Protein backbone atom coordinates (compact mmCIF):
# COMPACT_ATOMS: atom_id res chain seq x y z
CA MET A 1 52.27 -59.83 7.09
CA ARG A 2 54.48 -56.76 7.51
CA PRO A 3 54.12 -55.65 3.66
CA ILE A 4 50.28 -56.07 4.13
CA THR A 5 50.09 -54.25 7.14
CA ALA A 6 51.83 -51.00 5.52
CA ALA A 7 49.68 -51.19 2.54
CA THR A 8 46.20 -52.14 3.80
CA GLY A 9 46.15 -51.89 7.77
CA ILE A 10 45.03 -55.70 7.91
CA GLU A 11 47.02 -57.39 10.75
CA ALA A 12 47.57 -61.18 11.68
CA VAL A 13 44.51 -60.80 13.89
CA ASP A 14 42.44 -59.70 11.05
CA VAL A 15 43.42 -62.81 8.93
CA ALA A 16 42.77 -65.13 12.13
CA LYS A 17 39.28 -63.49 12.72
CA ARG A 18 38.36 -64.06 9.19
CA LEU A 19 39.12 -67.69 9.38
CA GLN A 20 36.48 -68.07 11.89
CA ASP A 21 34.26 -67.06 9.19
CA TYR A 22 35.54 -70.15 7.26
CA GLY A 23 35.30 -72.72 10.16
CA PHE A 24 38.89 -72.59 11.33
CA HIS A 25 40.14 -71.82 14.61
CA ALA A 26 42.88 -68.99 14.74
CA PRO A 27 46.51 -70.24 14.28
CA THR A 28 48.74 -68.95 16.79
CA MET A 29 49.48 -65.32 16.43
CA SER A 30 52.13 -62.98 17.06
CA TRP A 31 54.23 -65.75 18.79
CA PRO A 32 57.27 -65.83 18.51
CA VAL A 33 57.43 -62.93 15.92
CA THR A 34 54.81 -60.07 16.36
CA ASN A 35 52.39 -59.73 13.44
CA THR A 36 52.55 -63.16 12.07
CA LEU A 37 50.51 -66.62 11.79
CA MET A 38 52.07 -69.81 12.64
CA ILE A 39 50.17 -72.44 11.10
CA GLU A 40 50.91 -75.73 12.20
CA PRO A 41 48.79 -78.78 10.73
CA THR A 42 48.64 -82.10 12.80
CA GLU A 43 49.21 -85.20 11.12
CA SER A 44 45.84 -86.13 12.00
CA GLU A 45 44.29 -83.56 9.50
CA SER A 46 42.90 -84.91 6.16
CA LYS A 47 44.21 -83.94 2.75
CA GLU A 48 40.55 -82.28 2.30
CA GLU A 49 40.68 -80.36 5.51
CA LEU A 50 44.34 -78.82 4.42
CA ASP A 51 42.70 -78.21 0.92
CA ARG A 52 39.81 -76.50 2.46
CA PHE A 53 42.10 -74.46 4.61
CA CYS A 54 44.40 -73.60 1.64
CA ASP A 55 41.33 -72.55 0.04
CA ALA A 56 40.28 -70.33 2.83
CA MET A 57 43.78 -68.37 2.74
CA ILE A 58 43.48 -67.94 -0.85
CA ARG A 59 40.05 -66.22 -0.53
CA ILE A 60 41.43 -64.18 2.15
CA ARG A 61 44.44 -63.24 0.11
CA ALA A 62 42.06 -61.97 -2.62
CA GLU A 63 40.12 -59.94 0.06
CA ILE A 64 43.10 -58.33 0.97
CA ARG A 65 44.34 -57.65 -2.71
CA ALA A 66 40.81 -55.95 -2.97
CA VAL A 67 41.77 -53.73 -0.32
CA GLU A 68 45.44 -52.91 -1.71
CA GLU A 69 43.72 -52.21 -5.19
CA GLY A 70 41.34 -49.80 -3.49
CA GLN A 71 37.89 -51.79 -4.45
CA LEU A 72 37.46 -52.15 -0.48
CA PRO A 73 38.27 -49.48 2.18
CA ARG A 74 40.83 -50.13 4.84
CA ASP A 75 38.48 -49.88 7.36
CA ASP A 76 35.33 -51.46 5.95
CA ASN A 77 36.21 -54.91 4.32
CA PRO A 78 35.60 -58.40 5.75
CA LEU A 79 38.81 -58.83 7.38
CA LYS A 80 38.51 -55.62 9.58
CA HIS A 81 34.79 -56.84 10.85
CA ALA A 82 35.46 -60.58 11.00
CA PRO A 83 34.10 -62.85 12.41
CA HIS A 84 30.46 -62.22 11.20
CA THR A 85 27.66 -63.41 13.41
CA ILE A 86 23.91 -64.40 12.32
CA GLU A 87 22.87 -61.50 14.20
CA THR A 88 25.30 -59.20 12.28
CA LEU A 89 24.26 -60.38 9.17
CA VAL A 90 20.62 -60.07 9.75
CA GLY A 91 20.62 -56.86 11.06
CA GLU A 92 21.07 -53.41 9.29
CA TRP A 93 23.79 -53.57 6.71
CA ALA A 94 25.78 -50.39 5.61
CA ARG A 95 29.07 -52.39 4.74
CA ALA A 96 31.13 -51.96 1.35
CA TYR A 97 30.58 -55.36 0.92
CA PRO A 98 27.70 -57.74 0.22
CA ARG A 99 26.22 -59.98 3.02
CA GLU A 100 27.06 -62.79 0.95
CA GLN A 101 30.74 -62.21 1.00
CA ALA A 102 30.50 -61.88 4.63
CA ALA A 103 28.42 -65.16 5.51
CA TYR A 104 29.58 -67.55 2.72
CA PRO A 105 32.80 -66.68 1.08
CA LEU A 106 33.41 -70.34 -0.16
CA ALA A 107 30.32 -72.24 -1.89
CA TYR A 108 30.88 -75.42 0.68
CA LEU A 109 30.24 -72.85 3.70
CA ARG A 110 26.25 -72.76 2.42
CA ARG A 111 26.14 -76.72 3.28
CA GLN A 112 28.43 -76.60 6.62
CA LYS A 113 28.88 -73.35 8.35
CA PHE A 114 29.82 -73.00 11.74
CA TRP A 115 28.50 -69.59 12.89
CA PRO A 116 30.27 -67.55 15.64
CA THR A 117 28.33 -66.72 18.38
CA VAL A 118 30.56 -63.52 18.85
CA GLY A 119 31.73 -60.75 16.79
CA ARG A 120 35.08 -58.63 16.91
CA VAL A 121 36.59 -58.72 20.55
CA ASP A 122 39.14 -56.25 21.82
CA ASP A 123 41.69 -59.04 22.73
CA ALA A 124 44.15 -56.82 24.15
CA PHE A 125 41.49 -55.03 26.78
CA GLY A 126 40.14 -58.52 27.95
CA ASP A 127 43.64 -59.64 28.46
CA ARG A 128 44.18 -56.73 30.71
CA ASN A 129 40.80 -56.82 32.31
CA LEU A 130 40.38 -60.29 33.06
CA VAL A 131 36.78 -60.94 34.81
CA CYS A 132 36.68 -64.32 36.32
CA SER A 133 33.16 -65.49 36.49
CA CYS A 134 34.03 -68.63 38.42
CA PRO A 135 33.03 -69.66 42.07
CA PRO A 136 35.25 -68.73 44.62
CA LEU A 137 37.80 -71.38 45.53
CA SER A 138 36.46 -71.77 48.74
CA ASP A 139 33.25 -73.28 47.20
CA TYR A 140 35.83 -76.21 46.00
CA ASP A 141 37.45 -76.70 49.39
CA GLU A 142 36.15 -80.37 50.32
CA SER A 143 37.47 -80.00 53.91
CA VAL A 144 34.68 -77.82 54.66
């Protein structure tokens, strides 16, 4: 990812978030090496699922290439705004790419789409400012 990041500003986290638009859970990121993706398919994944993942990665690479070639801005492209929620797609749209590309980057997604419920989150802020919404531990104490 380092050459891509240097040329486009697109990082591993942007690819991971964009994979959500394709219905995939993000792979392990930046471990053990910063700004990398570690893709580890399990033995239980079908060939069809692996092919679908490869198609998504090929399409994501094409989106990155569009940024490299100046067809899309570095800060306004499907990767930098991913994942795309329904709420985002039906609201005002002033982005440099069409809603269709955001929502349905591959044809199969029109038939079977997992919609992310939350858009881009500042992961580092969330890691540093953890808020627990669980009841206090005393609520679980059975000796009371």
